[in-house]
N, C-alpha and C. Protein backbone atom coordinates (compact mmCIF):
# COMPACT_ATOMS: atom_id res chain seq x y z
N UNK A 1 0.86 -1.19 0.00
CA UNK A 1 0.00 0.00 0.00
C UNK A 1 0.89 1.24 0.00
N UNK A 2 0.49 2.25 -0.70
CA UNK A 2 1.28 3.46 -0.84
C UNK A 2 0.73 4.60 0.03
N UNK A 3 0.27 4.27 1.22
CA UNK A 3 -0.31 5.26 2.14
C UNK A 3 0.78 5.77 3.08
N UNK A 4 0.98 7.09 3.08
CA UNK A 4 2.04 7.67 3.92
C UNK A 4 1.80 7.39 5.40
N UNK A 5 0.54 7.39 5.85
CA UNK A 5 0.28 7.13 7.26
C UNK A 5 0.53 5.66 7.60
N UNK A 6 0.24 4.74 6.68
CA UNK A 6 0.56 3.33 6.91
C UNK A 6 2.08 3.15 7.01
N UNK A 7 2.81 3.92 6.23
CA UNK A 7 4.28 3.86 6.29
C UNK A 7 4.80 4.43 7.61
N UNK A 8 4.14 5.44 8.13
CA UNK A 8 4.51 5.98 9.44
C UNK A 8 4.23 4.95 10.51
N UNK A 9 3.06 4.30 10.45
CA UNK A 9 2.72 3.24 11.40
C UNK A 9 3.76 2.12 11.36
N UNK A 10 4.19 1.75 10.15
CA UNK A 10 5.16 0.66 9.97
C UNK A 10 6.58 1.07 10.36
N UNK A 11 6.81 2.36 10.64
CA UNK A 11 8.14 2.83 11.00
C UNK A 11 9.03 3.10 9.81
N UNK A 12 8.46 3.08 8.61
CA UNK A 12 9.24 3.35 7.40
C UNK A 12 9.51 4.85 7.21
N UNK A 13 8.65 5.68 7.79
CA UNK A 13 8.80 7.13 7.74
C UNK A 13 8.80 7.61 9.20
N UNK A 14 9.79 8.42 9.58
CA UNK A 14 9.85 8.88 10.98
C UNK A 14 8.73 9.87 11.30
N UNK A 15 8.38 9.91 12.58
CA UNK A 15 7.40 10.89 13.07
C UNK A 15 7.76 11.24 14.50
N UNK A 16 7.23 12.35 14.95
CA UNK A 16 7.39 12.75 16.35
C UNK A 16 6.18 12.25 17.11
N UNK A 17 6.31 11.05 17.67
CA UNK A 17 5.19 10.40 18.34
C UNK A 17 4.81 11.11 19.62
N UNK A 18 3.50 11.21 19.82
CA UNK A 18 2.95 11.77 21.04
C UNK A 18 2.30 10.66 21.87
N UNK A 19 1.75 9.66 21.16
CA UNK A 19 1.03 8.56 21.81
C UNK A 19 1.04 7.36 20.88
N UNK A 20 1.11 6.17 21.48
CA UNK A 20 0.98 4.96 20.68
C UNK A 20 0.48 3.83 21.56
N UNK A 21 -0.46 3.06 21.03
CA UNK A 21 -0.87 1.81 21.64
C UNK A 21 -1.02 0.80 20.51
N UNK A 22 -1.63 -0.34 20.77
CA UNK A 22 -1.71 -1.38 19.74
C UNK A 22 -2.65 -1.03 18.59
N UNK A 23 -3.52 -0.02 18.77
CA UNK A 23 -4.50 0.34 17.74
C UNK A 23 -4.39 1.74 17.19
N UNK A 24 -3.68 2.63 17.88
CA UNK A 24 -3.67 4.06 17.54
C UNK A 24 -2.25 4.61 17.60
N UNK A 25 -1.98 5.56 16.71
CA UNK A 25 -0.73 6.31 16.73
C UNK A 25 -1.09 7.79 16.64
N UNK A 26 -0.41 8.60 17.43
CA UNK A 26 -0.57 10.06 17.36
C UNK A 26 0.81 10.68 17.24
N UNK A 27 0.91 11.70 16.37
CA UNK A 27 2.19 12.34 16.12
C UNK A 27 1.98 13.79 15.74
N UNK A 28 3.01 14.59 15.90
CA UNK A 28 2.93 16.02 15.59
C UNK A 28 2.93 16.22 14.08
N UNK A 29 2.09 17.14 13.62
CA UNK A 29 1.99 17.46 12.20
C UNK A 29 3.28 18.15 11.75
N UNK A 30 3.76 17.80 10.56
CA UNK A 30 5.01 18.41 10.07
C UNK A 30 4.81 19.82 9.52
N UNK A 31 3.55 20.21 9.30
CA UNK A 31 3.24 21.58 8.84
C UNK A 31 2.12 22.13 9.73
N UNK A 32 2.44 22.41 11.00
CA UNK A 32 1.39 22.78 11.96
C UNK A 32 0.62 24.04 11.59
N UNK A 33 -0.68 23.97 11.81
CA UNK A 33 -1.57 25.11 11.56
C UNK A 33 -1.94 25.83 12.85
N UNK A 34 -1.39 25.37 13.97
CA UNK A 34 -1.62 25.97 15.29
C UNK A 34 -0.42 25.59 16.15
N UNK A 35 -0.23 26.28 17.29
CA UNK A 35 0.90 25.92 18.15
C UNK A 35 0.91 24.44 18.55
N UNK A 36 -0.26 23.87 18.78
CA UNK A 36 -0.38 22.43 18.98
C UNK A 36 -1.15 21.89 17.79
N UNK A 37 -0.54 20.97 17.05
CA UNK A 37 -1.21 20.34 15.90
C UNK A 37 -0.73 18.89 15.86
N UNK A 38 -1.62 18.01 16.30
CA UNK A 38 -1.31 16.59 16.42
C UNK A 38 -2.29 15.80 15.57
N UNK A 39 -1.78 14.80 14.86
CA UNK A 39 -2.62 13.90 14.08
C UNK A 39 -2.80 12.61 14.87
N UNK A 40 -4.04 12.14 14.93
CA UNK A 40 -4.37 10.89 15.62
C UNK A 40 -4.97 9.96 14.58
N UNK A 41 -4.35 8.78 14.41
CA UNK A 41 -4.77 7.86 13.35
C UNK A 41 -4.95 6.45 13.89
N UNK A 42 -5.89 5.70 13.32
CA UNK A 42 -5.92 4.27 13.63
C UNK A 42 -4.77 3.59 12.88
N UNK A 43 -4.19 2.57 13.48
CA UNK A 43 -3.13 1.83 12.78
C UNK A 43 -3.71 1.02 11.62
N UNK A 44 -4.94 0.60 11.76
CA UNK A 44 -5.62 -0.09 10.67
C UNK A 44 -5.98 0.93 9.59
N UNK A 45 -5.76 0.57 8.35
CA UNK A 45 -6.07 1.50 7.26
C UNK A 45 -7.58 1.58 7.05
N UNK A 46 -8.13 2.75 7.32
CA UNK A 46 -9.52 3.10 7.02
C UNK A 46 -9.40 4.35 6.16
N UNK A 47 -9.90 4.34 4.92
CA UNK A 47 -9.64 5.45 4.00
C UNK A 47 -10.12 6.83 4.45
N UNK A 48 -11.28 6.91 5.10
CA UNK A 48 -11.78 8.22 5.52
C UNK A 48 -12.90 8.05 6.53
N UNK A 49 -13.37 9.17 7.03
CA UNK A 49 -14.50 9.18 7.98
C UNK A 49 -15.72 8.50 7.36
N UNK A 50 -15.88 8.64 6.05
CA UNK A 50 -17.03 8.05 5.35
C UNK A 50 -16.99 6.52 5.38
N UNK A 51 -15.84 5.96 5.72
CA UNK A 51 -15.69 4.50 5.73
C UNK A 51 -15.85 3.90 7.13
N UNK A 52 -16.30 4.70 8.08
CA UNK A 52 -16.58 4.16 9.41
C UNK A 52 -17.87 3.35 9.32
N UNK A 53 -17.80 2.11 9.81
CA UNK A 53 -18.93 1.19 9.78
C UNK A 53 -19.24 0.71 11.19
N UNK A 54 -20.31 -0.05 11.32
CA UNK A 54 -20.62 -0.65 12.62
C UNK A 54 -19.46 -1.53 13.09
N UNK A 55 -18.80 -2.19 12.14
CA UNK A 55 -17.71 -3.10 12.49
C UNK A 55 -16.47 -2.36 13.00
N UNK A 56 -16.11 -1.24 12.39
CA UNK A 56 -14.90 -0.54 12.83
C UNK A 56 -15.19 0.66 13.75
N UNK A 57 -16.46 0.88 14.07
CA UNK A 57 -16.82 2.00 14.94
C UNK A 57 -16.13 1.94 16.31
N UNK A 58 -15.96 0.76 16.92
CA UNK A 58 -15.23 0.75 18.20
C UNK A 58 -13.79 1.27 18.06
N UNK A 59 -13.14 0.99 16.96
CA UNK A 59 -11.80 1.53 16.73
C UNK A 59 -11.86 3.05 16.57
N UNK A 60 -12.83 3.55 15.80
CA UNK A 60 -12.97 5.00 15.63
C UNK A 60 -13.25 5.67 16.97
N UNK A 61 -14.06 5.04 17.81
CA UNK A 61 -14.34 5.60 19.14
C UNK A 61 -13.08 5.63 19.99
N UNK A 62 -12.26 4.61 19.87
CA UNK A 62 -10.99 4.58 20.62
C UNK A 62 -10.06 5.71 20.14
N UNK A 63 -10.03 5.94 18.84
CA UNK A 63 -9.21 7.03 18.29
C UNK A 63 -9.66 8.36 18.92
N UNK A 64 -10.97 8.57 19.00
CA UNK A 64 -11.48 9.82 19.59
C UNK A 64 -11.19 9.91 21.08
N UNK A 65 -11.28 8.80 21.80
CA UNK A 65 -10.95 8.81 23.23
C UNK A 65 -9.47 9.16 23.42
N UNK A 66 -8.61 8.63 22.57
CA UNK A 66 -7.19 8.96 22.63
C UNK A 66 -6.99 10.44 22.34
N UNK A 67 -7.71 10.98 21.35
CA UNK A 67 -7.59 12.41 21.04
C UNK A 67 -7.96 13.26 22.25
N UNK A 68 -9.01 12.88 22.96
CA UNK A 68 -9.41 13.63 24.16
C UNK A 68 -8.32 13.56 25.23
N UNK A 69 -7.72 12.39 25.41
CA UNK A 69 -6.64 12.23 26.39
C UNK A 69 -5.45 13.09 26.01
N UNK A 70 -5.09 13.08 24.74
CA UNK A 70 -3.95 13.88 24.29
C UNK A 70 -4.22 15.36 24.51
N UNK A 71 -5.41 15.82 24.16
CA UNK A 71 -5.76 17.24 24.36
C UNK A 71 -5.61 17.60 25.84
N UNK A 72 -6.05 16.72 26.72
CA UNK A 72 -5.90 16.95 28.16
C UNK A 72 -4.41 17.00 28.52
N UNK A 73 -3.66 16.00 28.08
CA UNK A 73 -2.24 15.92 28.41
C UNK A 73 -1.44 17.11 27.87
N UNK A 74 -1.90 17.67 26.75
CA UNK A 74 -1.22 18.82 26.15
C UNK A 74 -1.67 20.15 26.78
N UNK A 75 -2.62 20.09 27.73
CA UNK A 75 -3.07 21.28 28.42
C UNK A 75 -4.00 22.16 27.60
N UNK A 76 -4.74 21.55 26.68
CA UNK A 76 -5.59 22.33 25.78
C UNK A 76 -7.01 22.56 26.29
N UNK A 77 -7.42 21.86 27.34
CA UNK A 77 -8.82 21.92 27.78
C UNK A 77 -9.26 23.32 28.20
N UNK A 78 -8.43 24.01 28.96
CA UNK A 78 -8.84 25.31 29.49
C UNK A 78 -9.13 26.32 28.39
N UNK A 79 -8.23 26.46 27.44
CA UNK A 79 -8.42 27.43 26.36
C UNK A 79 -9.29 26.92 25.24
N UNK A 80 -9.45 25.61 25.16
CA UNK A 80 -10.25 25.02 24.10
C UNK A 80 -9.38 24.54 22.95
N UNK A 81 -9.95 23.68 22.14
CA UNK A 81 -9.23 23.11 21.02
C UNK A 81 -10.22 22.64 19.97
N UNK A 82 -9.70 22.30 18.82
CA UNK A 82 -10.54 21.85 17.71
C UNK A 82 -10.10 20.44 17.31
N UNK A 83 -11.09 19.58 17.02
CA UNK A 83 -10.86 18.25 16.46
C UNK A 83 -11.44 18.29 15.06
N UNK A 84 -10.63 17.95 14.05
CA UNK A 84 -11.08 18.03 12.66
C UNK A 84 -10.75 16.73 11.94
N UNK A 85 -11.70 16.26 11.14
CA UNK A 85 -11.43 15.16 10.22
C UNK A 85 -11.99 15.56 8.86
N UNK A 86 -11.11 15.84 7.93
CA UNK A 86 -11.53 16.17 6.58
C UNK A 86 -11.91 14.88 5.87
N UNK A 87 -13.02 14.91 5.16
CA UNK A 87 -13.53 13.70 4.50
C UNK A 87 -13.70 13.97 3.01
N UNK A 88 -12.75 13.48 2.22
CA UNK A 88 -12.82 13.66 0.78
C UNK A 88 -12.01 14.84 0.30
N UNK A 89 -11.72 14.80 -0.97
CA UNK A 89 -10.87 15.82 -1.60
C UNK A 89 -11.43 17.23 -1.47
N UNK A 90 -12.73 17.41 -1.68
CA UNK A 90 -13.32 18.75 -1.60
C UNK A 90 -13.27 19.33 -0.19
N UNK A 91 -13.15 18.46 0.81
CA UNK A 91 -13.05 18.92 2.19
C UNK A 91 -11.61 19.17 2.61
N UNK A 92 -10.67 18.84 1.73
CA UNK A 92 -9.27 19.07 2.03
C UNK A 92 -8.52 17.85 2.54
N UNK A 93 -9.11 16.65 2.42
CA UNK A 93 -8.40 15.45 2.83
C UNK A 93 -7.30 15.16 1.82
N UNK A 94 -6.05 15.19 2.28
CA UNK A 94 -4.92 14.98 1.37
C UNK A 94 -4.29 13.60 1.55
N UNK A 95 -4.55 12.95 2.67
CA UNK A 95 -4.05 11.59 2.90
C UNK A 95 -5.27 10.68 3.06
N UNK A 96 -5.42 9.68 2.20
CA UNK A 96 -6.59 8.81 2.26
C UNK A 96 -6.47 7.74 3.35
N UNK A 97 -6.37 8.20 4.58
CA UNK A 97 -6.31 7.34 5.77
C UNK A 97 -7.02 8.14 6.86
N UNK A 98 -8.01 7.56 7.50
CA UNK A 98 -8.76 8.26 8.54
C UNK A 98 -7.79 8.89 9.54
N UNK A 99 -7.98 10.17 9.79
CA UNK A 99 -7.16 10.84 10.79
C UNK A 99 -7.92 12.05 11.34
N UNK A 100 -7.57 12.37 12.57
CA UNK A 100 -8.15 13.51 13.25
C UNK A 100 -7.03 14.47 13.62
N UNK A 101 -7.26 15.74 13.35
CA UNK A 101 -6.32 16.79 13.73
C UNK A 101 -6.75 17.34 15.09
N UNK A 102 -5.83 17.45 16.01
CA UNK A 102 -6.05 18.18 17.26
C UNK A 102 -5.33 19.51 17.07
N UNK A 103 -6.10 20.59 17.12
CA UNK A 103 -5.54 21.94 16.93
C UNK A 103 -5.82 22.77 18.16
N UNK A 104 -4.81 23.39 18.72
CA UNK A 104 -5.02 24.22 19.90
C UNK A 104 -3.84 25.14 20.14
N UNK A 105 -3.98 25.92 21.19
CA UNK A 105 -2.91 26.83 21.55
C UNK A 105 -3.08 28.23 21.00
N UNK A 106 -4.17 28.46 20.30
CA UNK A 106 -4.49 29.81 19.79
C UNK A 106 -5.99 29.88 19.56
N UNK A 107 -6.49 31.09 19.42
CA UNK A 107 -7.91 31.28 19.11
C UNK A 107 -8.14 30.86 17.67
N UNK A 108 -9.13 30.04 17.45
CA UNK A 108 -9.44 29.54 16.11
C UNK A 108 -10.42 30.49 15.42
N UNK A 109 -10.25 30.62 14.14
CA UNK A 109 -11.20 31.41 13.34
C UNK A 109 -12.23 30.45 12.77
N UNK A 110 -13.36 31.00 12.42
CA UNK A 110 -14.42 30.19 11.81
C UNK A 110 -14.55 30.61 10.36
N UNK A 111 -14.20 29.70 9.47
CA UNK A 111 -14.32 29.95 8.03
C UNK A 111 -15.14 28.83 7.44
N UNK A 112 -16.26 29.14 6.88
CA UNK A 112 -17.14 28.15 6.27
C UNK A 112 -17.48 28.60 4.86
N UNK A 113 -16.46 28.73 4.03
CA UNK A 113 -16.69 29.22 2.67
C UNK A 113 -16.84 28.08 1.69
């Protein structure tokens, strides 16, 4: 598979890990859009949010629970933070592997154009 996130999971591409367990990997984004910008991904390849099913929903829920833990550990709760999952090319998804962005450390703007 030619998925960059699968290669990161396999250790073929280095990353700055923030969290890892048997099902989830979280690492700092290489082009951060906020002072804190962490990607949280399932180790299992799921192409996008649209591919969440009843069968893999427990894994997706675990990914979100890990994101909440990381946000807490990073001290983002008090000021607030954003969790984003782009789904599809028109939404800005550039890597076809389910992932959630944790963005925090600054006031977020609202752009819905």
